[in-house]
Amino acid sequence: MSTYKEFLIERNQIDSLIKKGYKIKNVRETLDGAYVDFENHEEEEQYVTLHIMNADTRKYFGLLIINQLGINL
C-alpha cells in the first residue's frame, strides 16, 4: 500500500471518531508508531485506541491536539 493511501485510511479513522464527538485523551509514541487514545463518555464504546504508523497522520493528529487545546497558530 502506498504511503498516501495509508495516510488517507488513518486520517479517515481519526476524522470518523472526531465527528462522533471523541476527543484525543492520550498519545503514546513508540518505535512502532503512535497509539492515540480517544474518549467520549456519550458513546457506548467510551474509549478507542488507534495505532497510527504514518508520519503524515502523526502530524495531522498533532494539529488536532493543538486545535482541541484552543491554541491558535
Protein backbone atom coordinates (compact mmCIF):
# COMPACT_ATOMS: atom_id res chain seq x y z
CA MET A 1 0.00 0.00 0.00
CA SER A 2 1.29 3.45 -0.82
CA THR A 3 2.18 5.89 1.91
CA TYR A 4 -0.54 8.30 0.76
CA LYS A 5 -3.24 5.60 0.86
CA GLU A 6 -2.09 4.64 4.36
CA PHE A 7 -2.38 8.30 5.39
CA LEU A 8 -5.91 8.55 3.96
CA ILE A 9 -7.07 5.44 5.80
CA GLU A 10 -5.65 6.58 9.14
CA ARG A 11 -6.90 10.15 8.69
CA ASN A 12 -10.41 8.90 7.88
CA GLN A 13 -10.40 6.75 11.02
CA ILE A 14 -9.47 9.77 13.12
CA ASP A 15 -11.99 12.05 11.39
CA SER A 16 -14.74 9.49 11.92
CA LEU A 17 -14.09 9.43 15.66
CA ILE A 18 -13.88 13.23 15.86
CA LYS A 19 -17.24 13.54 14.05
CA LYS A 20 -18.78 11.20 16.64
CA GLY A 21 -17.61 13.55 19.40
CA TYR A 22 -14.47 11.75 20.54
CA LYS A 23 -11.58 13.81 21.92
CA ILE A 24 -7.91 12.86 21.95
CA LYS A 25 -7.10 11.95 25.53
CA ASN A 26 -3.58 10.48 25.36
CA VAL A 27 -0.77 9.72 22.90
CA ARG A 28 1.92 7.09 23.41
CA GLU A 29 4.82 7.24 20.96
CA THR A 30 6.75 4.01 20.33
CA LEU A 31 9.18 2.73 17.74
CA ASP A 32 6.19 1.02 16.07
CA GLY A 33 4.15 4.22 15.73
CA ALA A 34 1.82 6.20 17.94
CA TYR A 35 -1.08 4.88 19.98
CA VAL A 36 -3.75 7.56 20.18
CA ASP A 37 -6.44 7.19 22.85
CA PHE A 38 -9.82 8.77 22.18
CA GLU A 39 -12.54 9.31 24.75
CA ASN A 40 -16.27 10.04 24.52
CA HIS A 41 -18.49 9.39 27.54
CA GLU A 42 -21.67 9.68 25.46
CA GLU A 43 -20.87 6.68 23.25
CA GLU A 44 -21.35 3.03 24.19
CA GLU A 45 -17.67 2.42 23.46
CA GLN A 46 -16.22 5.24 25.57
CA TYR A 47 -12.55 4.58 24.83
CA VAL A 48 -10.97 3.83 21.45
CA THR A 49 -7.26 3.44 20.68
CA LEU A 50 -5.85 3.80 17.16
CA HIS A 51 -2.38 2.65 16.16
CA ILE A 52 -1.02 5.35 13.85
CA MET A 53 2.02 4.42 11.81
CA ASN A 54 2.14 7.05 9.07
CA ALA A 55 4.28 10.15 9.73
CA ASP A 56 1.84 12.48 7.96
CA THR A 57 -1.03 11.18 10.08
CA ARG A 58 1.05 11.82 13.19
CA LYS A 59 1.43 15.45 12.09
CA TYR A 60 -2.33 15.56 11.42
CA PHE A 61 -3.36 14.41 14.89
CA GLY A 62 -0.78 16.78 16.36
CA LEU A 63 -2.62 19.65 14.70
CA LEU A 64 -5.92 18.29 16.05
CA ILE A 65 -4.48 18.28 19.57
CA ILE A 66 -3.39 21.91 19.17
CA ASN A 67 -6.87 22.85 17.96
CA GLN A 68 -8.50 20.84 20.75
CA LEU A 69 -6.49 22.83 23.29
CA GLY A 70 -7.67 26.08 21.71
CA ILE A 71 -4.23 27.23 20.67
CA ASN A 72 -4.28 29.45 17.58
CA LEU A 73 -1.21 29.30 15.37
